[in-house]
Amino acid sequence: MLALLTIFELMKVVYGLQKAYKVIKKHNDTIKSKFMINNDVLRRVRYALDLNDQTMIDIFALNDVSVSRDELLNLLKKDNQEGYIELDNQRMDAFLKGLITHRRGKLETQPEQPKKPDLPLTNNSILKKLRIALDFKEEDMLNTLKLADFEISKGELSAFFRLKGHKNYRDCGDQIIRNFLQGLTIHFRKPIE
């Protein structure tokens, strides 16, 4: 009887560990997929806006980041290709800020105006910087998503641009970024007549 009880207790522990493992695995998968790979964003922005190698190098340089043509080509490779170099958040942020400068011009700041602190690079900040670079208004953003057959409300969209901690703030998932970049490609490369 004692042996049966011990086996039963052991089975409960194993079952509990299996449940815990599933929860941890689901949490880890969520964390991994929370932010789109920077190289994918870089590659998709380049394609959507039809940027050549030299323009890409110049965009990085606008934010004081030096990238050679060979390095750029390796940054544009997929992660399963030989020579792939992972694009870190600092360089991705430099590219996005350079893209803003490239498309909209240098921001003239007043000497007494304090510089805003840099926020960590997230899908929300990537979407926001692309919006600024492209000078898109709310309707432009919604129409771009609609081109990719992805519709969200104005409220859902504005939640991505709120400050973290605001009651209406919402994390921007990879699906939103992917669909926005797909819509950009359709918008800039396949104009609707």
C-alpha atoms as a PDB file:
ATOM      1  CA  MET A   1       0.000   0.000   0.000  1.00  0.00           C
ATOM      2  CA  LEU A   2       2.852   2.360   0.900  1.00  0.00           C
ATOM      3  CA  ALA A   3       4.584   1.659  -2.433  1.00  0.00           C
ATOM      4  CA  LEU A   4       1.372   2.447  -4.341  1.00  0.00           C
ATOM      5  CA  LEU A   5       0.970   5.712  -2.483  1.00  0.00           C
ATOM      6  CA  THR A   6       4.548   6.691  -3.247  1.00  0.00           C
ATOM      7  CA  ILE A   7       4.088   5.871  -6.944  1.00  0.00           C
ATOM      8  CA  PHE A   8       0.881   7.912  -6.972  1.00  0.00           C
ATOM      9  CA  GLU A   9       2.649  10.886  -5.351  1.00  0.00           C
ATOM     10  CA  LEU A  10       5.514  10.531  -7.805  1.00  0.00           C
ATOM     11  CA  MET A  11       3.046  10.582 -10.708  1.00  0.00           C
ATOM     12  CA  LYS A  12       1.500  13.788  -9.327  1.00  0.00           C
ATOM     13  CA  VAL A  13       4.939  15.410  -9.164  1.00  0.00           C
ATOM     14  CA  VAL A  14       5.766  14.337 -12.721  1.00  0.00           C
ATOM     15  CA  TYR A  15       2.387  15.608 -13.959  1.00  0.00           C
ATOM     16  CA  GLY A  16       2.987  18.913 -12.138  1.00  0.00           C
ATOM     17  CA  LEU A  17       6.435  19.221 -13.707  1.00  0.00           C
ATOM     18  CA  GLN A  18       4.990  18.562 -17.160  1.00  0.00           C
ATOM     19  CA  LYS A  19       2.418  21.322 -16.658  1.00  0.00           C
ATOM     20  CA  ALA A  20       5.114  23.683 -15.365  1.00  0.00           C
ATOM     21  CA  TYR A  21       7.314  22.853 -18.365  1.00  0.00           C
ATOM     22  CA  LYS A  22       4.463  23.677 -20.782  1.00  0.00           C
ATOM     23  CA  VAL A  23       3.856  27.019 -19.054  1.00  0.00           C
ATOM     24  CA  ILE A  24       7.566  27.907 -19.091  1.00  0.00           C
ATOM     25  CA  LYS A  25       7.923  26.857 -22.752  1.00  0.00           C
ATOM     26  CA  LYS A  26       4.895  28.934 -23.742  1.00  0.00           C
ATOM     27  CA  HIS A  27       6.326  31.932 -21.843  1.00  0.00           C
ATOM     28  CA  ASN A  28       9.744  31.534 -23.516  1.00  0.00           C
ATOM     29  CA  ASP A  29       8.140  31.258 -26.964  1.00  0.00           C
ATOM     30  CA  THR A  30       6.207  34.455 -26.238  1.00  0.00           C
ATOM     31  CA  ILE A  31       9.393  36.262 -25.238  1.00  0.00           C
ATOM     32  CA  LYS A  32      11.263  35.019 -28.308  1.00  0.00           C
ATOM     33  CA  SER A  33       8.504  36.129 -30.665  1.00  0.00           C
ATOM     34  CA  LYS A  34       7.844  39.412 -28.864  1.00  0.00           C
ATOM     35  CA  PHE A  35      10.320  41.311 -31.032  1.00  0.00           C
ATOM     36  CA  MET A  36      10.823  40.814 -34.712  1.00  0.00           C
ATOM     37  CA  ILE A  37      14.421  40.132 -35.776  1.00  0.00           C
ATOM     38  CA  ASN A  38      16.079  43.440 -36.662  1.00  0.00           C
ATOM     39  CA  ASN A  39      17.637  41.965 -39.805  1.00  0.00           C
ATOM     40  CA  ASP A  40      14.153  41.084 -41.107  1.00  0.00           C
ATOM     41  CA  VAL A  41      12.943  44.635 -40.513  1.00  0.00           C
ATOM     42  CA  LEU A  42      16.040  46.071 -42.226  1.00  0.00           C
ATOM     43  CA  ARG A  43      15.628  43.764 -45.224  1.00  0.00           C
ATOM     44  CA  ARG A  44      11.897  44.499 -45.570  1.00  0.00           C
ATOM     45  CA  VAL A  45      12.329  48.281 -45.227  1.00  0.00           C
ATOM     46  CA  ARG A  46      15.065  48.206 -47.858  1.00  0.00           C
ATOM     47  CA  TYR A  47      12.837  46.277 -50.267  1.00  0.00           C
ATOM     48  CA  ALA A  48       9.694  48.314 -49.589  1.00  0.00           C
ATOM     49  CA  LEU A  49      11.445  51.661 -50.077  1.00  0.00           C
ATOM     50  CA  ASP A  50      13.656  50.326 -52.908  1.00  0.00           C
ATOM     51  CA  LEU A  51      16.891  51.479 -51.243  1.00  0.00           C
ATOM     52  CA  ASN A  52      20.167  50.565 -52.932  1.00  0.00           C
ATOM     53  CA  ASP A  53      23.389  49.576 -51.107  1.00  0.00           C
ATOM     54  CA  GLN A  54      24.934  53.034 -51.140  1.00  0.00           C
ATOM     55  CA  THR A  55      21.751  54.678 -49.868  1.00  0.00           C
ATOM     56  CA  MET A  56      21.606  52.146 -47.007  1.00  0.00           C
ATOM     57  CA  ILE A  57      25.251  52.868 -46.116  1.00  0.00           C
ATOM     58  CA  ASP A  58      24.533  56.611 -46.252  1.00  0.00           C
ATOM     59  CA  ILE A  59      21.493  56.196 -43.981  1.00  0.00           C
ATOM     60  CA  PHE A  60      23.608  54.442 -41.359  1.00  0.00           C
ATOM     61  CA  ALA A  61      26.253  57.177 -41.730  1.00  0.00           C
ATOM     62  CA  LEU A  62      23.669  59.902 -41.024  1.00  0.00           C
ATOM     63  CA  ASN A  63      23.691  58.610 -37.453  1.00  0.00           C
ATOM     64  CA  ASP A  64      27.487  58.190 -37.264  1.00  0.00           C
ATOM     65  CA  VAL A  65      27.517  54.426 -37.855  1.00  0.00           C
ATOM     66  CA  SER A  66      30.005  53.167 -40.397  1.00  0.00           C
ATOM     67  CA  VAL A  67      28.938  50.096 -42.404  1.00  0.00           C
ATOM     68  CA  SER A  68      30.903  48.655 -45.318  1.00  0.00           C
ATOM     69  CA  ARG A  69      29.130  47.218 -48.339  1.00  0.00           C
ATOM     70  CA  ASP A  70      30.213  43.661 -47.423  1.00  0.00           C
ATOM     71  CA  GLU A  71      28.951  44.128 -43.869  1.00  0.00           C
ATOM     72  CA  LEU A  72      25.649  45.510 -45.169  1.00  0.00           C
ATOM     73  CA  LEU A  73      25.202  42.500 -47.444  1.00  0.00           C
ATOM     74  CA  ASN A  74      25.794  40.197 -44.459  1.00  0.00           C
ATOM     75  CA  LEU A  75      23.267  42.153 -42.374  1.00  0.00           C
ATOM     76  CA  LEU A  76      20.715  41.668 -45.152  1.00  0.00           C
ATOM     77  CA  LYS A  77      21.171  37.887 -45.263  1.00  0.00           C
ATOM     78  CA  LYS A  78      18.698  35.532 -43.626  1.00  0.00           C
ATOM     79  CA  ASP A  79      19.818  33.886 -40.403  1.00  0.00           C
ATOM     80  CA  ASN A  80      20.304  30.513 -42.099  1.00  0.00           C
ATOM     81  CA  GLN A  81      22.661  31.883 -44.776  1.00  0.00           C
ATOM     82  CA  GLU A  82      26.426  31.769 -44.532  1.00  0.00           C
ATOM     83  CA  GLY A  83      28.014  35.059 -43.464  1.00  0.00           C
ATOM     84  CA  TYR A  84      24.878  36.289 -41.640  1.00  0.00           C
ATOM     85  CA  ILE A  85      25.574  39.025 -39.087  1.00  0.00           C
ATOM     86  CA  GLU A  86      22.952  39.805 -36.456  1.00  0.00           C
ATOM     87  CA  LEU A  87      21.874  43.453 -36.415  1.00  0.00           C
ATOM     88  CA  ASP A  88      21.881  44.612 -32.802  1.00  0.00           C
ATOM     89  CA  ASN A  89      19.374  47.093 -31.378  1.00  0.00           C
ATOM     90  CA  GLN A  90      21.883  49.964 -31.284  1.00  0.00           C
ATOM     91  CA  ARG A  91      22.637  49.740 -34.997  1.00  0.00           C
ATOM     92  CA  MET A  92      18.983  49.150 -35.893  1.00  0.00           C
ATOM     93  CA  ASP A  93      18.059  52.266 -33.937  1.00  0.00           C
ATOM     94  CA  ALA A  94      20.828  54.176 -35.753  1.00  0.00           C
ATOM     95  CA  PHE A  95      19.410  53.019 -39.095  1.00  0.00           C
ATOM     96  CA  LEU A  96      15.874  54.095 -38.177  1.00  0.00           C
ATOM     97  CA  LYS A  97      17.053  57.515 -36.953  1.00  0.00           C
ATOM     98  CA  GLY A  98      19.133  57.852 -40.119  1.00  0.00           C
ATOM     99  CA  LEU A  99      16.079  56.942 -42.190  1.00  0.00           C
ATOM    100  CA  ILE A 100      14.144  59.745 -40.490  1.00  0.00           C
ATOM    101  CA  THR A 101      16.937  62.200 -41.322  1.00  0.00           C
ATOM    102  CA  HIS A 102      17.242  60.842 -44.883  1.00  0.00           C
ATOM    103  CA  ARG A 103      13.540  61.240 -45.626  1.00  0.00           C
ATOM    104  CA  ARG A 104      12.652  64.321 -43.571  1.00  0.00           C
ATOM    105  CA  GLY A 105      15.901  66.242 -43.101  1.00  0.00           C
ATOM    106  CA  LYS A 106      18.033  67.010 -40.064  1.00  0.00           C
ATOM    107  CA  LEU A 107      16.090  68.036 -36.979  1.00  0.00           C
ATOM    108  CA  GLU A 108      17.154  71.461 -35.808  1.00  0.00           C
ATOM    109  CA  THR A 109      17.171  71.502 -32.009  1.00  0.00           C
ATOM    110  CA  GLN A 110      17.486  74.582 -29.888  1.00  0.00           C
ATOM    111  CA  PRO A 111      20.590  74.656 -27.631  1.00  0.00           C
ATOM    112  CA  GLU A 112      18.468  75.026 -24.492  1.00  0.00           C
ATOM    113  CA  GLN A 113      16.147  72.177 -25.510  1.00  0.00           C
ATOM    114  CA  PRO A 114      17.001  69.029 -23.531  1.00  0.00           C
ATOM    115  CA  LYS A 115      17.597  65.878 -25.547  1.00  0.00           C
ATOM    116  CA  LYS A 116      14.974  63.187 -25.015  1.00  0.00           C
ATOM    117  CA  PRO A 117      16.396  59.985 -23.566  1.00  0.00           C
ATOM    118  CA  ASP A 118      16.522  57.037 -25.948  1.00  0.00           C
ATOM    119  CA  LEU A 119      13.945  54.388 -25.189  1.00  0.00           C
ATOM    120  CA  PRO A 120      14.761  50.711 -25.647  1.00  0.00           C
ATOM    121  CA  LEU A 121      14.157  49.437 -29.174  1.00  0.00           C
ATOM    122  CA  THR A 122      10.896  47.498 -29.313  1.00  0.00           C
ATOM    123  CA  ASN A 123       8.375  46.762 -32.023  1.00  0.00           C
ATOM    124  CA  ASN A 124       6.461  49.812 -30.775  1.00  0.00           C
ATOM    125  CA  SER A 125       9.455  52.116 -31.231  1.00  0.00           C
ATOM    126  CA  ILE A 126      10.268  50.587 -34.642  1.00  0.00           C
ATOM    127  CA  LEU A 127       6.706  51.251 -35.801  1.00  0.00           C
ATOM    128  CA  LYS A 128       6.834  54.785 -34.395  1.00  0.00           C
ATOM    129  CA  LYS A 129      10.148  55.606 -36.092  1.00  0.00           C
ATOM    130  CA  LEU A 130       8.917  54.235 -39.417  1.00  0.00           C
ATOM    131  CA  ARG A 131       5.794  56.375 -39.046  1.00  0.00           C
ATOM    132  CA  ILE A 132       7.932  59.473 -38.425  1.00  0.00           C
ATOM    133  CA  ALA A 133      10.339  58.691 -41.286  1.00  0.00           C
ATOM    134  CA  LEU A 134       7.486  58.234 -43.741  1.00  0.00           C
ATOM    135  CA  ASP A 135       5.544  61.221 -42.370  1.00  0.00           C
ATOM    136  CA  PHE A 136       2.485  58.985 -42.052  1.00  0.00           C
ATOM    137  CA  LYS A 137      -0.653  60.130 -40.305  1.00  0.00           C
ATOM    138  CA  GLU A 138      -3.080  57.774 -38.591  1.00  0.00           C
ATOM    139  CA  GLU A 139      -5.075  57.203 -41.786  1.00  0.00           C
ATOM    140  CA  ASP A 140      -1.893  56.444 -43.755  1.00  0.00           C
ATOM    141  CA  MET A 141      -0.940  53.805 -41.188  1.00  0.00           C
ATOM    142  CA  LEU A 142      -4.393  52.204 -41.259  1.00  0.00           C
ATOM    143  CA  ASN A 143      -4.488  52.245 -45.079  1.00  0.00           C
ATOM    144  CA  THR A 144      -1.031  50.656 -45.249  1.00  0.00           C
ATOM    145  CA  LEU A 145      -2.153  47.854 -42.933  1.00  0.00           C
ATOM    146  CA  LYS A 146      -5.337  47.494 -44.989  1.00  0.00           C
ATOM    147  CA  LEU A 147      -3.224  46.958 -48.134  1.00  0.00           C
ATOM    148  CA  ALA A 148      -1.869  43.847 -46.408  1.00  0.00           C
ATOM    149  CA  ASP A 149      -5.447  42.726 -45.649  1.00  0.00           C
ATOM    150  CA  PHE A 150      -4.977  43.527 -41.973  1.00  0.00           C
ATOM    151  CA  GLU A 151      -7.408  45.886 -40.339  1.00  0.00           C
ATOM    152  CA  ILE A 152      -7.277  47.395 -36.878  1.00  0.00           C
ATOM    153  CA  SER A 153      -9.165  50.268 -35.315  1.00  0.00           C
ATOM    154  CA  LYS A 154      -7.797  53.765 -34.681  1.00  0.00           C
ATOM    155  CA  GLY A 155      -7.838  53.014 -30.964  1.00  0.00           C
ATOM    156  CA  GLU A 156      -5.774  49.850 -31.393  1.00  0.00           C
ATOM    157  CA  LEU A 157      -3.272  51.726 -33.555  1.00  0.00           C
ATOM    158  CA  SER A 158      -2.923  54.637 -31.131  1.00  0.00           C
ATOM    159  CA  ALA A 159      -2.299  52.167 -28.277  1.00  0.00           C
ATOM    160  CA  PHE A 160       1.009  51.225 -29.949  1.00  0.00           C
ATOM    161  CA  PHE A 161       2.221  54.835 -29.745  1.00  0.00           C
ATOM    162  CA  ARG A 162       1.349  55.424 -26.086  1.00  0.00           C
ATOM    163  CA  LEU A 163       4.025  55.545 -23.419  1.00  0.00           C
ATOM    164  CA  LYS A 164       4.608  52.272 -21.629  1.00  0.00           C
ATOM    165  CA  GLY A 165       2.687  52.447 -18.383  1.00  0.00           C
ATOM    166  CA  HIS A 166      -0.234  54.375 -19.899  1.00  0.00           C
ATOM    167  CA  LYS A 167      -3.523  52.562 -19.257  1.00  0.00           C
ATOM    168  CA  ASN A 168      -4.167  52.189 -23.014  1.00  0.00           C
ATOM    169  CA  TYR A 169      -0.605  51.137 -23.950  1.00  0.00           C
ATOM    170  CA  ARG A 170      -0.364  47.902 -25.932  1.00  0.00           C
ATOM    171  CA  ASP A 171       2.691  45.931 -27.054  1.00  0.00           C
ATOM    172  CA  CYS A 172       3.088  45.824 -30.818  1.00  0.00           C
ATOM    173  CA  GLY A 173       3.467  42.228 -31.949  1.00  0.00           C
ATOM    174  CA  ASP A 174       5.476  40.883 -34.845  1.00  0.00           C
ATOM    175  CA  GLN A 175       2.292  40.370 -36.861  1.00  0.00           C
ATOM    176  CA  ILE A 176       1.594  44.122 -36.876  1.00  0.00           C
ATOM    177  CA  ILE A 177       5.155  44.957 -37.989  1.00  0.00           C
ATOM    178  CA  ARG A 178       5.117  42.259 -40.696  1.00  0.00           C
ATOM    179  CA  ASN A 179       1.767  43.392 -42.064  1.00  0.00           C
ATOM    180  CA  PHE A 180       2.782  47.048 -41.952  1.00  0.00           C
ATOM    181  CA  LEU A 181       5.990  46.305 -43.882  1.00  0.00           C
ATOM    182  CA  GLN A 182       4.046  44.171 -46.367  1.00  0.00           C
ATOM    183  CA  GLY A 183       1.592  47.044 -46.828  1.00  0.00           C
ATOM    184  CA  LEU A 184       4.518  49.444 -47.315  1.00  0.00           C
ATOM    185  CA  THR A 185       5.861  47.209 -50.063  1.00  0.00           C
ATOM    186  CA  ILE A 186       2.492  47.245 -51.812  1.00  0.00           C
ATOM    187  CA  HIS A 187       2.164  51.012 -51.272  1.00  0.00           C
ATOM    188  CA  PHE A 188       5.597  51.969 -52.629  1.00  0.00           C
ATOM    189  CA  ARG A 189       6.350  49.229 -55.150  1.00  0.00           C
ATOM    190  CA  LYS A 190       2.917  48.302 -56.502  1.00  0.00           C
ATOM    191  CA  PRO A 191       0.872  51.505 -56.616  1.00  0.00           C
ATOM    192  CA  ILE A 192      -2.857  50.981 -56.929  1.00  0.00           C
ATOM    193  CA  GLU A 193      -4.172  52.617 -60.091  1.00  0.00           C
END
